[in-house]
N, C-alpha and C. Protein backbone atom coordinates (compact mmCIF):
# COMPACT_ATOMS: atom_id res chain seq x y z
N UNK A 1 176.77 87.10 15.00
CA UNK A 1 177.02 87.37 16.69
C UNK A 1 178.24 86.55 16.96
N UNK A 2 179.12 87.07 17.49
CA UNK A 2 180.15 86.61 18.06
C UNK A 2 180.28 86.12 19.56
N UNK A 3 180.75 85.03 20.01
CA UNK A 3 180.54 84.76 21.64
C UNK A 3 182.10 84.48 21.95
N UNK A 4 182.27 85.03 23.07
CA UNK A 4 183.53 84.85 23.70
C UNK A 4 183.86 83.46 24.09
N UNK A 5 185.06 83.05 24.05
CA UNK A 5 185.22 81.58 24.49
C UNK A 5 185.58 81.78 25.85
N UNK A 6 184.66 81.00 26.71
CA UNK A 6 184.82 81.20 28.28
C UNK A 6 185.43 79.81 28.81
N UNK A 7 186.21 79.92 29.97
CA UNK A 7 186.61 78.93 30.70
C UNK A 7 186.19 78.93 32.10
N UNK A 8 186.34 77.98 32.82
CA UNK A 8 185.96 78.03 34.44
C UNK A 8 187.19 78.26 35.22
N UNK A 9 186.99 79.28 35.98
CA UNK A 9 188.06 79.51 36.93
C UNK A 9 188.14 78.37 38.13
N UNK A 10 189.31 77.91 38.26
CA UNK A 10 189.53 76.63 39.10
C UNK A 10 189.33 77.03 40.52
N UNK A 11 189.35 78.43 40.61
CA UNK A 11 189.45 78.79 42.18
C UNK A 11 187.82 79.22 42.67
N UNK A 12 187.32 79.83 41.91
CA UNK A 12 185.70 80.45 41.98
C UNK A 12 184.74 79.71 41.30
N UNK A 13 185.02 78.91 40.43
CA UNK A 13 184.19 78.16 39.45
C UNK A 13 183.40 79.10 38.77
N UNK A 14 183.83 80.27 38.41
CA UNK A 14 182.83 81.04 37.61
C UNK A 14 183.46 81.22 36.10
N UNK A 15 182.63 81.60 35.23
CA UNK A 15 183.20 81.72 33.72
C UNK A 15 183.92 82.89 33.44
N UNK A 16 185.07 82.53 32.85
CA UNK A 16 185.98 83.83 32.57
C UNK A 16 186.51 83.67 31.08
N UNK A 17 186.64 84.76 30.66
CA UNK A 17 187.15 85.04 29.22
C UNK A 17 188.19 84.31 29.03
N UNK A 18 188.58 83.44 28.10
CA UNK A 18 189.95 82.78 27.67
C UNK A 18 191.00 83.74 27.53
N UNK A 19 190.52 84.92 27.20
CA UNK A 19 191.78 85.79 26.90
C UNK A 19 192.45 86.38 28.03
N UNK A 20 191.91 86.35 29.24
CA UNK A 20 191.97 86.85 30.53
C UNK A 20 193.17 86.21 31.16
N UNK A 21 194.22 86.95 31.73
CA UNK A 21 195.25 85.97 32.45
C UNK A 21 195.00 85.85 33.74
N UNK A 22 193.83 86.57 34.53
CA UNK A 22 193.69 86.35 35.71
C UNK A 22 192.12 86.52 35.94
N UNK A 23 191.55 85.91 36.85
CA UNK A 23 189.98 85.90 36.92
C UNK A 23 189.72 87.28 37.64
N UNK A 24 188.75 87.93 36.89
CA UNK A 24 188.27 89.16 37.45
C UNK A 24 187.54 89.01 38.98
N UNK A 25 187.08 87.94 39.21
CA UNK A 25 186.30 87.76 40.45
C UNK A 25 187.13 87.44 41.71
N UNK A 26 187.95 86.67 41.54
CA UNK A 26 188.82 86.16 42.68
C UNK A 26 190.22 86.51 42.40
N UNK A 27 190.80 86.77 41.25
CA UNK A 27 192.09 87.26 40.91
C UNK A 27 193.24 85.99 40.79
N UNK A 28 192.50 84.60 40.94
CA UNK A 28 193.38 83.69 40.54
C UNK A 28 193.84 83.74 39.17
N UNK A 29 195.24 83.06 38.96
CA UNK A 29 195.65 83.08 37.43
C UNK A 29 194.84 82.15 36.89
N UNK A 30 194.52 82.19 35.43
CA UNK A 30 194.00 81.22 34.64
C UNK A 30 195.14 80.49 34.11
N UNK A 31 195.10 79.12 34.22
CA UNK A 31 196.12 78.42 33.51
C UNK A 31 196.18 78.42 31.82
N UNK A 32 197.35 78.53 31.56
CA UNK A 32 197.62 78.66 30.19
C UNK A 32 197.03 77.55 29.46
N UNK A 33 196.93 76.34 29.74
CA UNK A 33 196.42 75.19 29.17
C UNK A 33 194.94 75.53 28.81
N UNK A 34 194.08 75.91 29.84
CA UNK A 34 192.75 76.46 29.58
C UNK A 34 192.61 77.71 28.56
N UNK A 35 193.59 78.69 28.70
CA UNK A 35 193.49 79.75 27.72
C UNK A 35 193.59 79.43 26.25
N UNK A 36 194.57 78.43 26.17
CA UNK A 36 194.79 77.99 24.76
C UNK A 36 193.96 77.00 24.11
N UNK A 37 193.08 76.47 25.00
CA UNK A 37 192.05 75.28 24.63
C UNK A 37 191.27 75.75 23.33
N UNK A 38 190.83 75.08 22.52
CA UNK A 38 189.89 75.38 21.35
C UNK A 38 188.45 75.75 21.84
N UNK A 39 187.83 76.43 21.30
CA UNK A 39 186.37 76.95 21.86
C UNK A 39 185.47 75.63 21.23
N UNK A 40 184.72 75.37 22.15
CA UNK A 40 183.51 74.48 21.95
C UNK A 40 182.69 74.91 20.55
N UNK A 41 182.34 74.22 19.83
CA UNK A 41 181.57 74.49 18.48
C UNK A 41 180.30 74.26 18.78
N UNK A 42 179.38 75.15 18.27
CA UNK A 42 177.97 75.24 18.33
C UNK A 42 177.50 74.10 17.52
N UNK A 43 176.29 73.46 17.69
CA UNK A 43 175.63 72.51 16.87
C UNK A 43 175.44 72.97 15.51
N UNK A 44 175.73 72.38 14.51
CA UNK A 44 175.61 72.86 13.27
C UNK A 44 174.20 72.91 12.59
N UNK A 45 173.14 72.13 13.01
CA UNK A 45 171.98 72.13 12.66
C UNK A 45 170.85 72.16 13.66
N UNK A 46 169.81 72.97 13.55
CA UNK A 46 168.78 73.29 14.69
C UNK A 46 167.44 72.92 13.84
N UNK A 47 166.41 72.40 14.48
CA UNK A 47 165.20 72.35 14.19
C UNK A 47 164.41 73.44 13.39
N UNK A 48 163.86 73.28 12.47
CA UNK A 48 163.29 74.34 11.60
C UNK A 48 161.78 74.45 12.51
N UNK A 49 161.23 75.60 12.35
CA UNK A 49 159.86 75.75 12.93
C UNK A 49 159.01 74.58 12.80
N UNK A 50 158.71 74.14 11.73
CA UNK A 50 157.98 72.97 11.60
C UNK A 50 158.46 71.94 12.49
N UNK A 51 159.70 71.66 12.56
CA UNK A 51 160.24 70.55 13.45
C UNK A 51 159.83 70.63 14.83
N UNK A 52 160.11 71.98 15.30
CA UNK A 52 159.83 72.45 16.59
C UNK A 52 158.11 72.26 16.89
N UNK A 53 157.49 72.41 15.90
CA UNK A 53 155.68 72.44 16.20
C UNK A 53 155.52 70.72 16.13
N UNK A 54 156.07 70.04 15.28
CA UNK A 54 155.94 68.42 15.36
C UNK A 54 156.36 67.94 16.82
N UNK A 55 157.47 68.26 17.30
CA UNK A 55 157.94 67.96 18.49
C UNK A 55 156.90 68.20 19.54
N UNK A 56 156.56 69.57 19.34
CA UNK A 56 155.79 69.89 20.49
C UNK A 56 154.21 69.26 20.54
N UNK A 57 153.94 69.18 19.39
CA UNK A 57 152.47 68.12 19.20
C UNK A 57 152.76 66.77 19.71
N UNK A 58 153.66 66.19 19.65
CA UNK A 58 154.05 65.09 20.11
C UNK A 58 154.09 64.94 21.47
N UNK A 59 154.88 65.98 22.00
CA UNK A 59 154.97 66.04 23.47
C UNK A 59 153.52 66.17 24.28
N UNK A 60 152.91 66.80 23.65
CA UNK A 60 151.37 67.06 24.03
C UNK A 60 150.69 65.89 23.93
N UNK A 61 150.57 65.12 22.78
CA UNK A 61 149.62 64.25 22.42
C UNK A 61 150.16 62.64 22.95
N UNK A 62 151.14 62.59 23.24
CA UNK A 62 151.88 61.24 23.64
C UNK A 62 151.12 61.07 25.14
N UNK A 63 151.21 61.75 26.07
CA UNK A 63 150.71 61.67 27.39
C UNK A 63 149.33 61.51 27.30
N UNK A 64 148.44 62.20 26.73
CA UNK A 64 147.24 61.94 26.40
C UNK A 64 146.91 60.68 25.92
N UNK A 65 147.65 60.11 24.78
CA UNK A 65 147.39 58.82 24.38
C UNK A 65 147.70 57.80 25.29
N UNK A 66 148.81 57.88 25.82
CA UNK A 66 149.14 56.81 26.84
C UNK A 66 148.09 56.80 28.23
N UNK A 67 147.60 57.65 28.51
CA UNK A 67 146.72 57.95 29.67
C UNK A 67 145.47 56.97 29.29
N UNK A 68 145.04 57.09 28.00
CA UNK A 68 143.87 56.21 27.72
C UNK A 68 143.91 54.65 27.78
N UNK A 69 145.18 54.29 27.94
CA UNK A 69 145.56 52.82 27.93
C UNK A 69 145.56 52.31 29.27
N UNK A 70 145.04 53.07 30.27
CA UNK A 70 145.16 52.46 31.74
C UNK A 70 143.63 52.41 32.08
N UNK A 71 142.60 52.22 31.20
CA UNK A 71 141.20 52.48 31.70
C UNK A 71 140.67 51.36 32.50
N UNK A 72 141.39 50.07 32.31
CA UNK A 72 140.99 49.08 33.13
C UNK A 72 141.42 48.92 34.59
N UNK A 73 142.35 49.70 34.88
CA UNK A 73 143.14 49.91 35.92
C UNK A 73 142.36 50.58 37.05
N UNK A 74 142.06 50.23 38.07
CA UNK A 74 141.28 50.94 39.11
C UNK A 74 142.19 51.77 39.97
N UNK A 75 141.81 53.08 40.18
CA UNK A 75 142.59 53.98 41.14
C UNK A 75 141.74 54.45 42.05
N UNK A 76 142.32 54.53 43.30
CA UNK A 76 141.53 54.95 44.46
C UNK A 76 141.41 56.53 44.66
N UNK A 77 140.25 56.98 44.95
CA UNK A 77 140.06 58.49 44.80
C UNK A 77 140.71 58.91 46.25
N UNK A 78 141.11 60.03 46.33
CA UNK A 78 141.91 60.54 47.54
C UNK A 78 140.88 60.58 48.70
N UNK A 79 141.08 59.97 49.90
CA UNK A 79 140.07 59.93 50.85
C UNK A 79 138.97 59.06 50.65
N UNK A 80 138.84 58.25 49.68
CA UNK A 80 137.85 57.16 49.52
C UNK A 80 138.49 55.92 49.71
N UNK A 81 137.62 54.92 50.01
CA UNK A 81 138.07 53.61 50.33
C UNK A 81 139.00 52.93 49.22
N UNK A 82 139.77 52.03 49.65
CA UNK A 82 140.42 51.20 48.50
C UNK A 82 139.59 50.63 47.71
N UNK A 83 140.29 50.44 46.27
CA UNK A 83 139.46 49.82 45.10
C UNK A 83 138.80 48.44 45.47
N UNK A 84 139.50 47.85 46.29
CA UNK A 84 138.64 46.34 46.52
C UNK A 84 137.62 46.66 47.31
N UNK A 85 137.33 47.39 47.98
CA UNK A 85 135.96 47.75 48.79
C UNK A 85 134.94 48.58 48.32
N UNK A 86 135.30 49.04 47.08
CA UNK A 86 134.22 49.84 46.41
C UNK A 86 133.07 49.17 46.15
N UNK A 87 133.32 47.71 45.52
CA UNK A 87 132.18 47.10 45.27
C UNK A 87 131.29 46.49 46.31
N UNK A 88 131.66 46.78 47.63
CA UNK A 88 131.07 46.25 48.67
C UNK A 88 130.32 47.33 49.39
N UNK A 89 130.14 48.69 48.72
CA UNK A 89 129.55 49.62 49.41
C UNK A 89 128.06 50.08 48.55
N UNK A 90 127.30 50.23 49.28
CA UNK A 90 125.91 50.95 48.70
C UNK A 90 126.05 51.98 47.81
N UNK A 91 125.28 52.45 46.91
CA UNK A 91 125.34 53.56 46.14
C UNK A 91 125.37 54.96 46.88
N UNK A 92 124.79 54.97 47.85
CA UNK A 92 125.02 56.23 48.73
C UNK A 92 126.18 56.23 49.46
N UNK A 93 127.15 55.59 49.38
CA UNK A 93 128.39 55.62 50.06
C UNK A 93 128.44 54.61 51.28
N UNK A 94 127.37 54.37 52.04
CA UNK A 94 127.28 53.64 53.17
C UNK A 94 127.70 52.25 52.74
N UNK A 95 127.83 51.47 53.99
CA UNK A 95 128.20 50.06 53.75
C UNK A 95 126.67 49.24 53.20
N UNK A 96 127.03 48.16 52.52
CA UNK A 96 125.75 47.47 52.36
C UNK A 96 125.59 46.59 53.40
N UNK A 97 124.25 46.42 53.86
CA UNK A 97 124.15 45.48 54.96
C UNK A 97 124.06 44.05 54.82
N UNK A 98 124.58 43.31 55.52
CA UNK A 98 124.86 41.77 55.43
C UNK A 98 123.52 41.34 55.59
N UNK A 99 123.26 40.00 55.13
CA UNK A 99 121.76 39.58 55.30
C UNK A 99 121.54 39.16 56.84
N UNK A 100 122.56 38.95 57.65
CA UNK A 100 122.37 38.64 58.97
C UNK A 100 121.70 39.97 59.76
N UNK A 101 122.35 41.11 59.26
CA UNK A 101 121.90 42.41 59.92
C UNK A 101 120.54 42.99 59.57
N UNK A 102 119.90 42.25 58.37
CA UNK A 102 118.76 43.05 57.92
C UNK A 102 117.69 42.37 58.57
N UNK A 103 116.83 43.44 59.23
CA UNK A 103 115.75 42.95 60.15
C UNK A 103 114.62 42.13 59.24
N UNK A 104 114.08 41.12 60.06
CA UNK A 104 113.03 40.50 59.30
C UNK A 104 111.79 40.78 59.44
N UNK A 105 111.39 41.64 60.38
CA UNK A 105 110.04 42.35 60.53
C UNK A 105 110.36 43.92 60.52
N UNK A 106 109.25 44.31 60.32
CA UNK A 106 109.03 45.76 60.11
C UNK A 106 109.74 46.33 61.58
N UNK A 107 110.54 47.45 61.68
CA UNK A 107 110.67 48.23 62.76
C UNK A 107 109.51 48.54 63.75
N UNK A 108 109.86 48.54 64.95
CA UNK A 108 108.79 49.02 65.90
C UNK A 108 109.01 50.45 65.84
N UNK A 109 107.69 50.96 66.17
CA UNK A 109 107.41 52.60 66.24
C UNK A 109 107.92 52.84 67.41
N UNK A 110 108.58 54.24 67.54
CA UNK A 110 109.07 54.87 68.60
C UNK A 110 108.01 55.26 69.74
N UNK A 111 108.16 55.04 71.08
CA UNK A 111 107.08 55.54 71.96
C UNK A 111 106.91 56.93 71.88
N UNK A 112 105.87 57.39 71.99
CA UNK A 112 105.37 58.75 72.02
C UNK A 112 105.74 59.25 73.38
N UNK A 113 106.39 60.58 73.32
CA UNK A 113 106.92 61.27 74.63
C UNK A 113 105.61 61.66 75.55
N UNK A 114 105.74 61.62 76.89
CA UNK A 114 104.39 62.09 77.58
C UNK A 114 104.48 63.63 77.50
N UNK A 115 103.07 64.05 77.59
CA UNK A 115 102.95 65.46 77.24
C UNK A 115 102.71 65.98 78.80
């Protein structure tokens, strides 16, 4: 497969074949220095299929392995209380009563409504 040597038009910044004397899009003349420049070489060696699989496996496994390193860090749940207040809450999510707010006697029963 052969590829055309492309240069960038200085007027419209589009790719134009180096063999063209003028840009087919805007009509601007292509500089002779650009037309005679050597084409860029493609990389000589590419990864094999096994190499691509190995790189892909590493790209998937590395974030998973690194995520396990942050187990001791506390993270606030969206909409939840800040991590420093989590220990001050009761298991049902409400605030734990302070000792001064705890009634010392049983609560009084509600009065019965008149009939």
